[in-house]
Amino acid sequence: MEIIQVFKALSDLTRLRIFHLLLHFPALNVNDLVTILQLPQSKISRHLAYLRMSDLVTFNRRDKWVYYRVNPQFYPEFQRVLKEMLSKDLEMGADIKRGKELVGDY
């Protein structure tokens, strides 16, 4: 995983918000992200595809749902720093609050 690709992938606000949510929740599906972020499904799917191609997220199927999570090989220390920094942002904090209301507190 090249660090320049990581920064390119996270340079978009929507992708950064998705990634931040996945840092806080073990796995989310597209419908969860649509509800939490209040954005169209097509936009969420497009950004998830970019994050997948950048190797920042992985996915697995459970029945008819596809669940996304942070790639476990993605720099753990960088994950911790990002999670801490981004949690201070008001919009990101509101995303987490909506996520907890939707899927509970992990």
C-alpha atoms as a PDB file:
ATOM      1  CA  MET A   1       0.000   0.000   0.000  1.00  0.00           C
ATOM      2  CA  GLU A   2       1.623   3.214  -1.149  1.00  0.00           C
ATOM      3  CA  ILE A   3       1.216   6.160   1.189  1.00  0.00           C
ATOM      4  CA  ILE A   4       0.581   8.587  -1.700  1.00  0.00           C
ATOM      5  CA  GLN A   5      -2.429   6.478  -2.733  1.00  0.00           C
ATOM      6  CA  VAL A   6      -3.708   6.601   0.854  1.00  0.00           C
ATOM      7  CA  PHE A   7      -3.653  10.377   0.894  1.00  0.00           C
ATOM      8  CA  LYS A   8      -5.264  10.587  -2.550  1.00  0.00           C
ATOM      9  CA  ALA A   9      -8.046   8.256  -1.433  1.00  0.00           C
ATOM     10  CA  LEU A  10      -8.682  10.253   1.737  1.00  0.00           C
ATOM     11  CA  SER A  11      -8.494  13.654   0.017  1.00  0.00           C
ATOM     12  CA  ASP A  12     -12.222  13.576  -0.754  1.00  0.00           C
ATOM     13  CA  LEU A  13     -14.574  14.567   2.089  1.00  0.00           C
ATOM     14  CA  THR A  14     -17.118  11.813   1.367  1.00  0.00           C
ATOM     15  CA  ARG A  15     -14.437   9.108   1.316  1.00  0.00           C
ATOM     16  CA  LEU A  16     -12.929  10.540   4.487  1.00  0.00           C
ATOM     17  CA  ARG A  17     -16.334  10.452   6.213  1.00  0.00           C
ATOM     18  CA  ILE A  18     -16.893   6.844   5.085  1.00  0.00           C
ATOM     19  CA  PHE A  19     -13.448   5.809   6.256  1.00  0.00           C
ATOM     20  CA  HIS A  20     -13.931   7.558   9.593  1.00  0.00           C
ATOM     21  CA  LEU A  21     -17.178   5.672  10.153  1.00  0.00           C
ATOM     22  CA  LEU A  22     -15.467   2.391   9.350  1.00  0.00           C
ATOM     23  CA  LEU A  23     -12.799   3.219  11.918  1.00  0.00           C
ATOM     24  CA  HIS A  24     -15.556   3.429  14.541  1.00  0.00           C
ATOM     25  CA  PHE A  25     -17.759   0.512  13.513  1.00  0.00           C
ATOM     26  CA  PRO A  26     -16.479  -2.995  12.750  1.00  0.00           C
ATOM     27  CA  ALA A  27     -18.509  -3.283   9.534  1.00  0.00           C
ATOM     28  CA  LEU A  28     -21.165  -1.267   7.710  1.00  0.00           C
ATOM     29  CA  ASN A  29     -23.139  -1.898   4.549  1.00  0.00           C
ATOM     30  CA  VAL A  30     -24.099   0.607   1.858  1.00  0.00           C
ATOM     31  CA  ASN A  31     -27.579   1.118   3.325  1.00  0.00           C
ATOM     32  CA  ASP A  32     -26.060   1.940   6.718  1.00  0.00           C
ATOM     33  CA  LEU A  33     -23.749   4.487   5.115  1.00  0.00           C
ATOM     34  CA  VAL A  34     -26.562   6.029   3.045  1.00  0.00           C
ATOM     35  CA  THR A  35     -28.651   6.511   6.179  1.00  0.00           C
ATOM     36  CA  ILE A  36     -25.807   7.824   8.321  1.00  0.00           C
ATOM     37  CA  LEU A  37     -24.279  10.166   5.739  1.00  0.00           C
ATOM     38  CA  GLN A  38     -27.608  11.157   4.179  1.00  0.00           C
ATOM     39  CA  LEU A  39     -26.164  10.853   0.689  1.00  0.00           C
ATOM     40  CA  PRO A  40     -27.389   8.988  -2.422  1.00  0.00           C
ATOM     41  CA  GLN A  41     -26.578   5.288  -2.725  1.00  0.00           C
ATOM     42  CA  SER A  42     -24.821   5.820  -6.051  1.00  0.00           C
ATOM     43  CA  LYS A  43     -22.398   8.326  -4.508  1.00  0.00           C
ATOM     44  CA  ILE A  44     -21.649   6.065  -1.529  1.00  0.00           C
ATOM     45  CA  SER A  45     -21.067   3.061  -3.815  1.00  0.00           C
ATOM     46  CA  ARG A  46     -18.737   5.018  -6.083  1.00  0.00           C
ATOM     47  CA  HIS A  47     -16.624   6.188  -3.148  1.00  0.00           C
ATOM     48  CA  LEU A  48     -16.538   2.711  -1.600  1.00  0.00           C
ATOM     49  CA  ALA A  49     -15.251   1.367  -4.916  1.00  0.00           C
ATOM     50  CA  TYR A  50     -12.447   3.943  -4.834  1.00  0.00           C
ATOM     51  CA  LEU A  51     -11.568   3.011  -1.246  1.00  0.00           C
ATOM     52  CA  ARG A  52     -11.551  -0.684  -2.213  1.00  0.00           C
ATOM     53  CA  MET A  53      -9.278  -0.062  -5.203  1.00  0.00           C
ATOM     54  CA  SER A  54      -6.947   1.857  -2.886  1.00  0.00           C
ATOM     55  CA  ASP A  55      -6.871  -1.141  -0.505  1.00  0.00           C
ATOM     56  CA  LEU A  56      -8.134   0.957   2.403  1.00  0.00           C
ATOM     57  CA  VAL A  57     -11.276  -1.112   2.879  1.00  0.00           C
ATOM     58  CA  THR A  58     -12.209  -4.731   2.412  1.00  0.00           C
ATOM     59  CA  PHE A  59     -15.607  -6.331   2.155  1.00  0.00           C
ATOM     60  CA  ASN A  60     -17.417  -9.573   2.738  1.00  0.00           C
ATOM     61  CA  ARG A  61     -20.870 -10.870   1.912  1.00  0.00           C
ATOM     62  CA  ARG A  62     -23.374 -11.926   4.535  1.00  0.00           C
ATOM     63  CA  ASP A  63     -26.510 -13.259   2.909  1.00  0.00           C
ATOM     64  CA  LYS A  64     -27.655 -10.527   0.517  1.00  0.00           C
ATOM     65  CA  TRP A  65     -25.613  -7.752   2.153  1.00  0.00           C
ATOM     66  CA  VAL A  66     -22.057  -6.620   1.492  1.00  0.00           C
ATOM     67  CA  TYR A  67     -20.276  -5.294   4.578  1.00  0.00           C
ATOM     68  CA  TYR A  68     -17.254  -3.024   4.433  1.00  0.00           C
ATOM     69  CA  ARG A  69     -14.505  -2.586   6.995  1.00  0.00           C
ATOM     70  CA  VAL A  70     -11.084  -0.997   7.258  1.00  0.00           C
ATOM     71  CA  ASN A  71      -8.398  -3.171   5.724  1.00  0.00           C
ATOM     72  CA  PRO A  72      -6.701  -4.806   8.734  1.00  0.00           C
ATOM     73  CA  GLN A  73      -3.338  -4.370   6.984  1.00  0.00           C
ATOM     74  CA  PHE A  74      -3.791  -0.589   6.836  1.00  0.00           C
ATOM     75  CA  TYR A  75      -1.279   1.059   9.181  1.00  0.00           C
ATOM     76  CA  PRO A  76      -2.779   0.575  12.692  1.00  0.00           C
ATOM     77  CA  GLU A  77      -1.001   3.596  14.159  1.00  0.00           C
ATOM     78  CA  PHE A  78      -2.248   5.797  11.316  1.00  0.00           C
ATOM     79  CA  GLN A  79      -5.774   4.462  11.928  1.00  0.00           C
ATOM     80  CA  ARG A  80      -5.561   5.485  15.584  1.00  0.00           C
ATOM     81  CA  VAL A  81      -4.300   8.976  14.759  1.00  0.00           C
ATOM     82  CA  LEU A  82      -6.942   9.514  12.057  1.00  0.00           C
ATOM     83  CA  LYS A  83      -9.723   8.297  14.330  1.00  0.00           C
ATOM     84  CA  GLU A  84      -8.627  10.635  17.101  1.00  0.00           C
ATOM     85  CA  MET A  85      -8.142  13.667  14.837  1.00  0.00           C
ATOM     86  CA  LEU A  86     -11.313  13.256  12.805  1.00  0.00           C
ATOM     87  CA  SER A  87     -13.499  12.651  15.860  1.00  0.00           C
ATOM     88  CA  LYS A  88     -12.895  16.287  16.817  1.00  0.00           C
ATOM     89  CA  ASP A  89     -14.608  17.490  13.621  1.00  0.00           C
ATOM     90  CA  LEU A  90     -18.258  18.453  14.186  1.00  0.00           C
ATOM     91  CA  GLU A  91     -19.553  16.837  10.983  1.00  0.00           C
ATOM     92  CA  MET A  92     -17.633  13.624  11.638  1.00  0.00           C
ATOM     93  CA  GLY A  93     -18.896  13.577  15.226  1.00  0.00           C
ATOM     94  CA  ALA A  94     -22.478  13.925  13.978  1.00  0.00           C
ATOM     95  CA  ASP A  95     -21.869  10.984  11.615  1.00  0.00           C
ATOM     96  CA  ILE A  96     -20.769   8.824  14.543  1.00  0.00           C
ATOM     97  CA  LYS A  97     -23.801   9.850  16.584  1.00  0.00           C
ATOM     98  CA  ARG A  98     -26.158   8.897  13.722  1.00  0.00           C
ATOM     99  CA  GLY A  99     -24.239   5.643  13.282  1.00  0.00           C
ATOM    100  CA  LYS A 100     -24.683   4.744  16.946  1.00  0.00           C
ATOM    101  CA  GLU A 101     -28.395   5.483  16.700  1.00  0.00           C
ATOM    102  CA  LEU A 102     -28.649   3.225  13.638  1.00  0.00           C
ATOM    103  CA  VAL A 103     -26.438   0.260  14.444  1.00  0.00           C
ATOM    104  CA  GLY A 104     -25.751   0.656  18.149  1.00  0.00           C
ATOM    105  CA  ASP A 105     -22.581   1.235  20.091  1.00  0.00           C
ATOM    106  CA  TYR A 106     -19.797  -1.275  19.459  1.00  0.00           C
END
